[in-house]
Amino acid sequence: KVSAEQAQALLARITPATELTQLA
């Protein structure tokens, strides 16, 4: 349904944030 490259690119767009201030 998707390529491995597309899956990796999608995951790379997600960043964990552990402090609310990171959402500024």
PDB file of all heavy atoms in Angstrom:
ATOM      1  N   LYS A   1       0.819  -1.217   0.000  1.00  0.00           N
ATOM      2  CA  LYS A   1       0.000   0.000   0.000  1.00  0.00           C
ATOM      3  C   LYS A   1       0.848   1.260   0.000  1.00  0.00           C
ATOM      4  O   LYS A   1       0.446   2.290  -0.527  1.00  0.00           O
ATOM      5  CB  LYS A   1      -0.954   0.025   1.195  1.00  0.00           C
ATOM      6  CG  LYS A   1      -1.898  -1.154   1.258  1.00  0.00           C
ATOM      7  CD  LYS A   1      -2.935  -1.072   0.173  1.00  0.00           C
ATOM      8  CE  LYS A   1      -3.939  -2.207   0.327  1.00  0.00           C
ATOM      9  NZ  LYS A   1      -4.898  -2.216  -0.757  1.00  0.00           N
ATOM     10  N   VAL A   2       2.008   1.201   0.649  1.00  0.00           N
ATOM     11  CA  VAL A   2       2.973   2.304   0.659  1.00  0.00           C
ATOM     12  C   VAL A   2       4.369   1.702   0.540  1.00  0.00           C
ATOM     13  O   VAL A   2       4.582   0.527   0.861  1.00  0.00           O
ATOM     14  CB  VAL A   2       2.892   3.173   1.942  1.00  0.00           C
ATOM     15  CG1 VAL A   2       1.560   3.859   2.081  1.00  0.00           C
ATOM     16  CG2 VAL A   2       3.223   2.376   3.173  1.00  0.00           C
ATOM     17  N   SER A   3       5.293   2.517   0.077  1.00  0.00           N
ATOM     18  CA  SER A   3       6.674   2.048  -0.017  1.00  0.00           C
ATOM     19  C   SER A   3       7.358   2.208   1.339  1.00  0.00           C
ATOM     20  O   SER A   3       6.909   2.989   2.190  1.00  0.00           O
ATOM     21  CB  SER A   3       7.433   2.846  -1.073  1.00  0.00           C
ATOM     22  OG  SER A   3       7.635   4.182  -0.632  1.00  0.00           O
ATOM     23  N   ALA A   4       8.449   1.485   1.511  1.00  0.00           N
ATOM     24  CA  ALA A   4       9.222   1.609   2.742  1.00  0.00           C
ATOM     25  C   ALA A   4       9.738   3.040   2.896  1.00  0.00           C
ATOM     26  O   ALA A   4       9.778   3.580   4.010  1.00  0.00           O
ATOM     27  CB  ALA A   4      10.382   0.615   2.744  1.00  0.00           C
ATOM     28  N   GLU A   5      10.080   3.684   1.795  1.00  0.00           N
ATOM     29  CA  GLU A   5      10.567   5.062   1.833  1.00  0.00           C
ATOM     30  C   GLU A   5       9.470   6.017   2.289  1.00  0.00           C
ATOM     31  O   GLU A   5       9.720   6.936   3.070  1.00  0.00           O
ATOM     32  CB  GLU A   5      11.098   5.490   0.458  1.00  0.00           C
ATOM     33  CG  GLU A   5      12.347   4.749   0.029  1.00  0.00           C
ATOM     34  CD  GLU A   5      12.071   3.343  -0.510  1.00  0.00           C
ATOM     35  OE1 GLU A   5      10.912   3.020  -0.907  1.00  0.00           O
ATOM     36  OE2 GLU A   5      13.023   2.542  -0.514  1.00  0.00           O
ATOM     37  N   GLN A   6       8.244   5.807   1.793  1.00  0.00           N
ATOM     38  CA  GLN A   6       7.122   6.649   2.214  1.00  0.00           C
ATOM     39  C   GLN A   6       6.843   6.474   3.704  1.00  0.00           C
ATOM     40  O   GLN A   6       6.577   7.448   4.411  1.00  0.00           O
ATOM     41  CB  GLN A   6       5.859   6.312   1.407  1.00  0.00           C
ATOM     42  CG  GLN A   6       5.922   6.750  -0.034  1.00  0.00           C
ATOM     43  CD  GLN A   6       4.769   6.184  -0.845  1.00  0.00           C
ATOM     44  OE1 GLN A   6       4.428   5.005  -0.739  1.00  0.00           O
ATOM     45  NE2 GLN A   6       4.163   7.029  -1.673  1.00  0.00           N
ATOM     46  N   ALA A   7       6.900   5.244   4.173  1.00  0.00           N
ATOM     47  CA  ALA A   7       6.672   4.974   5.600  1.00  0.00           C
ATOM     48  C   ALA A   7       7.737   5.650   6.447  1.00  0.00           C
ATOM     49  O   ALA A   7       7.425   6.290   7.461  1.00  0.00           O
ATOM     50  CB  ALA A   7       6.656   3.469   5.853  1.00  0.00           C
ATOM     51  N   GLN A   8       8.992   5.547   6.030  1.00  0.00           N
ATOM     52  CA  GLN A   8      10.080   6.178   6.785  1.00  0.00           C
ATOM     53  C   GLN A   8       9.936   7.698   6.777  1.00  0.00           C
ATOM     54  O   GLN A   8      10.175   8.353   7.792  1.00  0.00           O
ATOM     55  CB  GLN A   8      11.433   5.770   6.203  1.00  0.00           C
ATOM     56  CG  GLN A   8      11.861   4.378   6.631  1.00  0.00           C
ATOM     57  CD  GLN A   8      11.857   4.203   8.132  1.00  0.00           C
ATOM     58  OE1 GLN A   8      11.022   3.473   8.663  1.00  0.00           O
ATOM     59  NE2 GLN A   8      12.740   4.851   8.845  1.00  0.00           N
ATOM     60  N   ALA A   9       9.535   8.256   5.640  1.00  0.00           N
ATOM     61  CA  ALA A   9       9.366   9.711   5.555  1.00  0.00           C
ATOM     62  C   ALA A   9       8.251  10.174   6.483  1.00  0.00           C
ATOM     63  O   ALA A   9       8.371  11.213   7.146  1.00  0.00           O
ATOM     64  CB  ALA A   9       9.076  10.128   4.110  1.00  0.00           C
ATOM     65  N   LEU A  10       7.162   9.406   6.541  1.00  0.00           N
ATOM     66  CA  LEU A  10       6.058   9.755   7.437  1.00  0.00           C
ATOM     67  C   LEU A  10       6.531   9.735   8.885  1.00  0.00           C
ATOM     68  O   LEU A  10       6.293  10.679   9.632  1.00  0.00           O
ATOM     69  CB  LEU A  10       4.891   8.797   7.228  1.00  0.00           C
ATOM     70  CG  LEU A  10       3.593   9.143   7.959  1.00  0.00           C
ATOM     71  CD1 LEU A  10       2.394   8.601   7.200  1.00  0.00           C
ATOM     72  CD2 LEU A  10       3.570   8.641   9.375  1.00  0.00           C
ATOM     73  N   LEU A  11       7.213   8.685   9.276  1.00  0.00           N
ATOM     74  CA  LEU A  11       7.710   8.591  10.656  1.00  0.00           C
ATOM     75  C   LEU A  11       8.696   9.709  10.974  1.00  0.00           C
ATOM     76  O   LEU A  11       8.714  10.216  12.098  1.00  0.00           O
ATOM     77  CB  LEU A  11       8.362   7.231  10.897  1.00  0.00           C
ATOM     78  CG  LEU A  11       7.402   6.063  11.057  1.00  0.00           C
ATOM     79  CD1 LEU A  11       8.163   4.744  11.089  1.00  0.00           C
ATOM     80  CD2 LEU A  11       6.542   6.220  12.294  1.00  0.00           C
ATOM     81  N   ALA A  12       9.485  10.128   9.995  1.00  0.00           N
ATOM     82  CA  ALA A  12      10.466  11.182  10.216  1.00  0.00           C
ATOM     83  C   ALA A  12       9.804  12.537  10.469  1.00  0.00           C
ATOM     84  O   ALA A  12      10.418  13.431  11.039  1.00  0.00           O
ATOM     85  CB  ALA A  12      11.409  11.281   9.017  1.00  0.00           C
ATOM     86  N   ARG A  13       8.543  12.679  10.051  1.00  0.00           N
ATOM     87  CA  ARG A  13       7.824  13.936  10.284  1.00  0.00           C
ATOM     88  C   ARG A  13       7.237  14.029  11.687  1.00  0.00           C
ATOM     89  O   ARG A  13       6.680  15.049  12.067  1.00  0.00           O
ATOM     90  CB  ARG A  13       6.713  14.107   9.234  1.00  0.00           C
ATOM     91  CG  ARG A  13       7.249  14.430   7.848  1.00  0.00           C
ATOM     92  CD  ARG A  13       6.156  14.849   6.895  1.00  0.00           C
ATOM     93  NE  ARG A  13       5.286  13.762   6.489  1.00  0.00           N
ATOM     94  CZ  ARG A  13       5.518  12.936   5.470  1.00  0.00           C
ATOM     95  NH1 ARG A  13       6.628  13.059   4.756  1.00  0.00           N
ATOM     96  NH2 ARG A  13       4.651  11.998   5.156  1.00  0.00           N
ATOM     97  N   ILE A  14       7.344  12.973  12.484  1.00  0.00           N
ATOM     98  CA  ILE A  14       6.796  12.948  13.845  1.00  0.00           C
ATOM     99  C   ILE A  14       7.917  13.165  14.851  1.00  0.00           C
ATOM    100  O   ILE A  14       8.904  12.440  14.852  1.00  0.00           O
ATOM    101  CB  ILE A  14       6.084  11.607  14.129  1.00  0.00           C
ATOM    102  CG1 ILE A  14       4.972  11.361  13.112  1.00  0.00           C
ATOM    103  CG2 ILE A  14       5.538  11.584  15.556  1.00  0.00           C
ATOM    104  CD1 ILE A  14       4.403   9.952  13.146  1.00  0.00           C
ATOM    105  N   THR A  15       7.729  14.158  15.710  1.00  0.00           N
ATOM    106  CA  THR A  15       8.719  14.471  16.732  1.00  0.00           C
ATOM    107  C   THR A  15       8.065  14.392  18.110  1.00  0.00           C
ATOM    108  O   THR A  15       7.048  15.056  18.346  1.00  0.00           O
ATOM    109  CB  THR A  15       9.284  15.894  16.529  1.00  0.00           C
ATOM    110  OG1 THR A  15       9.842  15.976  15.219  1.00  0.00           O
ATOM    111  CG2 THR A  15      10.332  16.229  17.572  1.00  0.00           C
ATOM    112  N   PRO A  16       8.644  13.603  19.011  1.00  0.00           N
ATOM    113  CA  PRO A  16       8.126  13.569  20.375  1.00  0.00           C
ATOM    114  C   PRO A  16       8.394  14.902  21.081  1.00  0.00           C
ATOM    115  O   PRO A  16       9.430  15.525  20.858  1.00  0.00           O
ATOM    116  CB  PRO A  16       8.924  12.448  21.052  1.00  0.00           C
ATOM    117  CG  PRO A  16       9.642  11.730  19.959  1.00  0.00           C
ATOM    118  CD  PRO A  16       9.747  12.673  18.809  1.00  0.00           C
ATOM    119  N   ALA A  17       7.459  15.320  21.897  1.00  0.00           N
ATOM    120  CA  ALA A  17       7.626  16.538  22.698  1.00  0.00           C
ATOM    121  C   ALA A  17       7.326  16.188  24.149  1.00  0.00           C
ATOM    122  O   ALA A  17       6.249  15.692  24.452  1.00  0.00           O
ATOM    123  CB  ALA A  17       6.694  17.640  22.202  1.00  0.00           C
ATOM    124  N   THR A  18       8.275  16.446  25.011  1.00  0.00           N
ATOM    125  CA  THR A  18       8.099  16.102  26.416  1.00  0.00           C
ATOM    126  C   THR A  18       7.793  17.319  27.283  1.00  0.00           C
ATOM    127  O   THR A  18       7.513  17.176  28.468  1.00  0.00           O
ATOM    128  CB  THR A  18       9.354  15.384  26.954  1.00  0.00           C
ATOM    129  OG1 THR A  18      10.496  16.210  26.706  1.00  0.00           O
ATOM    130  CG2 THR A  18       9.542  14.036  26.259  1.00  0.00           C
ATOM    131  N   GLU A  19       7.857  18.503  26.684  1.00  0.00           N
ATOM    132  CA  GLU A  19       7.527  19.741  27.387  1.00  0.00           C
ATOM    133  C   GLU A  19       6.487  20.495  26.573  1.00  0.00           C
ATOM    134  O   GLU A  19       6.626  20.628  25.354  1.00  0.00           O
ATOM    135  CB  GLU A  19       8.768  20.632  27.556  1.00  0.00           C
ATOM    136  CG  GLU A  19       9.897  19.992  28.342  1.00  0.00           C
ATOM    137  CD  GLU A  19       9.573  19.826  29.812  1.00  0.00           C
ATOM    138  OE1 GLU A  19       8.787  20.636  30.344  1.00  0.00           O
ATOM    139  OE2 GLU A  19      10.090  18.881  30.430  1.00  0.00           O
ATOM    140  N   LEU A  20       5.467  20.996  27.214  1.00  0.00           N
ATOM    141  CA  LEU A  20       4.415  21.735  26.528  1.00  0.00           C
ATOM    142  C   LEU A  20       4.983  22.944  25.785  1.00  0.00           C
ATOM    143  O   LEU A  20       4.496  23.299  24.711  1.00  0.00           O
ATOM    144  CB  LEU A  20       3.344  22.160  27.536  1.00  0.00           C
ATOM    145  CG  LEU A  20       1.923  22.323  27.012  1.00  0.00           C
ATOM    146  CD1 LEU A  20       1.415  21.087  26.299  1.00  0.00           C
ATOM    147  CD2 LEU A  20       0.997  22.700  28.150  1.00  0.00           C
ATOM    148  N   THR A  21       6.039  23.532  26.311  1.00  0.00           N
ATOM    149  CA  THR A  21       6.640  24.705  25.668  1.00  0.00           C
ATOM    150  C   THR A  21       7.200  24.389  24.279  1.00  0.00           C
ATOM    151  O   THR A  21       7.371  25.295  23.466  1.00  0.00           O
ATOM    152  CB  THR A  21       7.758  25.299  26.546  1.00  0.00           C
ATOM    153  OG1 THR A  21       8.709  24.264  26.836  1.00  0.00           O
ATOM    154  CG2 THR A  21       7.195  25.874  27.834  1.00  0.00           C
ATOM    155  N   GLN A  22       7.456  23.128  23.991  1.00  0.00           N
ATOM    156  CA  GLN A  22       7.944  22.731  22.666  1.00  0.00           C
ATOM    157  C   GLN A  22       6.893  22.948  21.582  1.00  0.00           C
ATOM    158  O   GLN A  22       7.213  22.917  20.404  1.00  0.00           O
ATOM    159  CB  GLN A  22       8.390  21.264  22.675  1.00  0.00           C
ATOM    160  CG  GLN A  22       9.643  21.012  23.491  1.00  0.00           C
ATOM    161  CD  GLN A  22       9.955  19.537  23.579  1.00  0.00           C
ATOM    162  OE1 GLN A  22       9.526  18.851  24.509  1.00  0.00           O
ATOM    163  NE2 GLN A  22      10.699  19.051  22.604  1.00  0.00           N
ATOM    164  N   LEU A  23       5.653  23.183  21.975  1.00  0.00           N
ATOM    165  CA  LEU A  23       4.567  23.374  21.013  1.00  0.00           C
ATOM    166  C   LEU A  23       4.415  24.831  20.599  1.00  0.00           C
ATOM    167  O   LEU A  23       3.545  25.163  19.796  1.00  0.00           O
ATOM    168  CB  LEU A  23       3.239  22.872  21.599  1.00  0.00           C
ATOM    169  CG  LEU A  23       3.243  21.480  22.239  1.00  0.00           C
ATOM    170  CD1 LEU A  23       1.838  21.085  22.644  1.00  0.00           C
ATOM    171  CD2 LEU A  23       3.864  20.443  21.332  1.00  0.00           C
ATOM    172  N   ALA A  24       5.262  25.711  21.103  1.00  0.00           N
ATOM    173  CA  ALA A  24       5.124  27.156  20.915  1.00  0.00           C
ATOM    174  C   ALA A  24       5.030  27.583  19.459  1.00  0.00           C
ATOM    175  O   ALA A  24       4.299  28.523  19.137  1.00  0.00           O
ATOM    176  CB  ALA A  24       6.273  27.886  21.601  1.00  0.00           C
TER     177      ALA A  24
END
